[in-house]
Structures are given as structure tokens and as C-alpha cells.
Amino acid sequence: MDKDNGMKDKAKGIKDKVVGEAKDSYGDATNDHSKQAEGKAQKAKGEVEKKVGKAKDEFNDKNNK
């Protein structure tokens, strides 16, 4: 297993949350429910990616002691 500190997952999570928020806001402003749903899904994906990154960090911290 390669040593992954979780930073890549956290960065992808932040990007997906920002892009998802933009899509959600655009969908809200234009009354495009499909774009809103897409944005909400992407925000949720970003949150999961951030949690995966955090879990990897915690795992690595425990195993490096």
C-alpha cells in the first residue's frame, strides 16, 4: 500500500464542494432544478471525499507512532 496522507482526497473534496455550490446556486437562480440537484450531489461527494482524506490522515497518524 502506498503512503497516502489523504491530502489528495481532501483537495478533491474541497473542489467538488465549491463547484457543487456554484451549480446549486446557478440552478437556484435560473430555476433549473436539474442543475440544482447536480450541485447538491457534487457537494455531497465532496464532503465524502474530505472525510476519506481525514480518515486516511488519522490512520496514518496512528500507524506512524
N, C-alpha and C. Protein backbone atom coordinates (compact mmCIF):
# COMPACT_ATOMS: atom_id res chain seq x y z
N MET A 1 0.85 -1.19 0.00
CA MET A 1 0.00 0.00 0.00
C MET A 1 0.88 1.24 0.00
N ASP A 2 0.64 2.15 -0.93
CA ASP A 2 1.45 3.35 -0.93
C ASP A 2 1.02 4.28 0.19
N LYS A 3 1.92 5.13 0.57
CA LYS A 3 1.66 6.01 1.71
C LYS A 3 0.88 7.23 1.20
N ASP A 4 -0.40 7.25 1.45
CA ASP A 4 -1.27 8.35 1.02
C ASP A 4 -1.71 9.09 2.27
N ASN A 5 -1.34 10.35 2.36
CA ASN A 5 -1.67 11.10 3.56
C ASN A 5 -3.07 11.70 3.54
N GLY A 6 -3.82 11.46 2.51
CA GLY A 6 -5.20 11.93 2.47
C GLY A 6 -5.36 13.33 1.90
N MET A 7 -4.26 14.02 1.64
CA MET A 7 -4.35 15.40 1.16
C MET A 7 -5.03 15.47 -0.21
N LYS A 8 -4.75 14.50 -1.07
CA LYS A 8 -5.36 14.50 -2.41
C LYS A 8 -6.88 14.38 -2.32
N ASP A 9 -7.35 13.51 -1.43
CA ASP A 9 -8.80 13.34 -1.25
C ASP A 9 -9.43 14.61 -0.68
N LYS A 10 -8.76 15.21 0.28
CA LYS A 10 -9.31 16.44 0.88
C LYS A 10 -9.36 17.57 -0.15
N ALA A 11 -8.32 17.68 -1.00
CA ALA A 11 -8.30 18.71 -2.04
C ALA A 11 -9.43 18.49 -3.06
N LYS A 12 -9.61 17.22 -3.48
CA LYS A 12 -10.71 16.92 -4.41
C LYS A 12 -12.06 17.23 -3.76
N GLY A 13 -12.15 16.94 -2.48
CA GLY A 13 -13.40 17.22 -1.76
C GLY A 13 -13.72 18.69 -1.72
N ILE A 14 -12.71 19.51 -1.46
CA ILE A 14 -12.92 20.96 -1.42
C ILE A 14 -13.35 21.46 -2.80
N LYS A 15 -12.66 20.97 -3.85
CA LYS A 15 -13.00 21.38 -5.22
C LYS A 15 -14.44 21.00 -5.55
N ASP A 16 -14.84 19.76 -5.23
CA ASP A 16 -16.19 19.33 -5.55
C ASP A 16 -17.24 20.11 -4.75
N LYS A 17 -16.93 20.46 -3.52
CA LYS A 17 -17.88 21.25 -2.74
C LYS A 17 -18.06 22.64 -3.35
N VAL A 18 -16.96 23.26 -3.79
CA VAL A 18 -17.04 24.60 -4.38
C VAL A 18 -17.80 24.57 -5.71
N VAL A 19 -17.45 23.62 -6.58
CA VAL A 19 -18.13 23.50 -7.87
C VAL A 19 -19.60 23.14 -7.66
N GLY A 20 -19.86 22.25 -6.72
CA GLY A 20 -21.25 21.88 -6.43
C GLY A 20 -22.07 23.05 -5.92
N GLU A 21 -21.47 23.87 -5.08
CA GLU A 21 -22.16 25.05 -4.57
C GLU A 21 -22.49 26.02 -5.71
N ALA A 22 -21.54 26.17 -6.64
CA ALA A 22 -21.77 27.05 -7.80
C ALA A 22 -22.92 26.52 -8.65
N LYS A 23 -22.94 25.23 -8.91
CA LYS A 23 -24.02 24.63 -9.71
C LYS A 23 -25.37 24.77 -8.99
N ASP A 24 -25.36 24.54 -7.69
CA ASP A 24 -26.58 24.66 -6.90
C ASP A 24 -27.11 26.10 -6.95
N SER A 25 -26.21 27.06 -6.78
CA SER A 25 -26.61 28.47 -6.83
C SER A 25 -27.12 28.87 -8.21
N TYR A 26 -26.42 28.41 -9.25
CA TYR A 26 -26.85 28.69 -10.61
C TYR A 26 -28.24 28.11 -10.88
N GLY A 27 -28.42 26.88 -10.45
CA GLY A 27 -29.71 26.22 -10.64
C GLY A 27 -30.82 26.94 -9.90
N ASP A 28 -30.49 27.44 -8.71
CA ASP A 28 -31.48 28.19 -7.93
C ASP A 28 -31.83 29.51 -8.63
N ALA A 29 -30.81 30.20 -9.13
CA ALA A 29 -31.03 31.50 -9.78
C ALA A 29 -31.79 31.37 -11.09
N THR A 30 -31.60 30.26 -11.79
CA THR A 30 -32.23 30.09 -13.11
C THR A 30 -33.44 29.16 -13.05
N ASN A 31 -33.78 28.73 -11.85
CA ASN A 31 -34.90 27.80 -11.65
C ASN A 31 -34.70 26.49 -12.41
N ASP A 32 -33.43 26.07 -12.48
CA ASP A 32 -33.05 24.82 -13.14
C ASP A 32 -32.88 23.75 -12.06
N HIS A 33 -33.93 23.00 -11.82
CA HIS A 33 -33.92 22.01 -10.74
C HIS A 33 -32.91 20.89 -10.99
N SER A 34 -32.69 20.56 -12.25
CA SER A 34 -31.72 19.52 -12.58
C SER A 34 -30.31 19.97 -12.19
N LYS A 35 -29.95 21.22 -12.50
CA LYS A 35 -28.63 21.75 -12.16
C LYS A 35 -28.48 21.87 -10.64
N GLN A 36 -29.57 22.23 -9.97
CA GLN A 36 -29.54 22.31 -8.51
C GLN A 36 -29.25 20.94 -7.91
N ALA A 37 -29.94 19.93 -8.40
CA ALA A 37 -29.74 18.57 -7.90
C ALA A 37 -28.32 18.09 -8.17
N GLU A 38 -27.82 18.41 -9.36
CA GLU A 38 -26.45 18.05 -9.71
C GLU A 38 -25.46 18.71 -8.74
N GLY A 39 -25.70 19.97 -8.42
CA GLY A 39 -24.84 20.68 -7.48
C GLY A 39 -24.89 20.08 -6.09
N LYS A 40 -26.08 19.75 -5.62
CA LYS A 40 -26.21 19.16 -4.29
C LYS A 40 -25.50 17.80 -4.23
N ALA A 41 -25.61 17.03 -5.30
CA ALA A 41 -24.93 15.73 -5.34
C ALA A 41 -23.42 15.91 -5.33
N GLN A 42 -22.93 16.89 -6.07
CA GLN A 42 -21.49 17.12 -6.12
C GLN A 42 -20.97 17.63 -4.77
N LYS A 43 -21.76 18.45 -4.09
CA LYS A 43 -21.37 18.91 -2.75
C LYS A 43 -21.28 17.72 -1.80
N ALA A 44 -22.23 16.81 -1.88
CA ALA A 44 -22.22 15.62 -1.01
C ALA A 44 -20.99 14.75 -1.32
N LYS A 45 -20.68 14.60 -2.60
CA LYS A 45 -19.49 13.83 -2.99
C LYS A 45 -18.24 14.47 -2.41
N GLY A 46 -18.19 15.79 -2.46
CA GLY A 46 -17.04 16.50 -1.90
C GLY A 46 -16.90 16.28 -0.41
N GLU A 47 -18.01 16.27 0.29
CA GLU A 47 -17.98 16.03 1.73
C GLU A 47 -17.44 14.64 2.05
N VAL A 48 -17.87 13.65 1.25
CA VAL A 48 -17.39 12.28 1.45
C VAL A 48 -15.89 12.21 1.18
N GLU A 49 -15.43 12.85 0.11
CA GLU A 49 -14.00 12.84 -0.21
C GLU A 49 -13.17 13.46 0.91
N LYS A 50 -13.67 14.55 1.48
CA LYS A 50 -12.96 15.17 2.59
C LYS A 50 -12.87 14.23 3.79
N LYS A 51 -13.95 13.51 4.06
CA LYS A 51 -13.96 12.57 5.19
C LYS A 51 -13.01 11.40 4.93
N VAL A 52 -12.94 10.94 3.68
CA VAL A 52 -12.00 9.87 3.34
C VAL A 52 -10.57 10.35 3.57
N GLY A 53 -10.28 11.56 3.15
CA GLY A 53 -8.95 12.12 3.37
C GLY A 53 -8.62 12.23 4.84
N LYS A 54 -9.57 12.67 5.62
CA LYS A 54 -9.36 12.79 7.07
C LYS A 54 -9.12 11.42 7.69
N ALA A 55 -9.89 10.43 7.26
CA ALA A 55 -9.72 9.08 7.78
C ALA A 55 -8.34 8.53 7.44
N LYS A 56 -7.87 8.79 6.22
CA LYS A 56 -6.53 8.35 5.83
C LYS A 56 -5.47 9.01 6.71
N ASP A 57 -5.64 10.29 6.97
CA ASP A 57 -4.70 11.00 7.84
C ASP A 57 -4.67 10.38 9.24
N GLU A 58 -5.85 10.12 9.78
CA GLU A 58 -5.93 9.53 11.12
C GLU A 58 -5.31 8.13 11.14
N PHE A 59 -5.57 7.35 10.11
CA PHE A 59 -5.00 6.01 10.02
C PHE A 59 -3.47 6.09 9.98
N ASN A 60 -2.95 6.98 9.14
CA ASN A 60 -1.50 7.11 9.02
C ASN A 60 -0.89 7.63 10.32
N ASP A 61 -1.56 8.56 10.99
CA ASP A 61 -1.05 9.07 12.25
C ASP A 61 -0.95 7.95 13.30
N LYS A 62 -1.95 7.10 13.37
CA LYS A 62 -1.93 6.01 14.35
C LYS A 62 -0.86 4.97 14.02
N ASN A 63 -0.63 4.73 12.75
CA ASN A 63 0.33 3.71 12.34
C ASN A 63 1.77 4.21 12.30
N ASN A 64 1.97 5.51 12.42
CA ASN A 64 3.32 6.07 12.39
C ASN A 64 3.86 6.37 13.77
N LYS A 65 3.17 5.91 14.79
CA LYS A 65 3.65 6.17 16.17
C LYS A 65 4.51 5.06 16.65
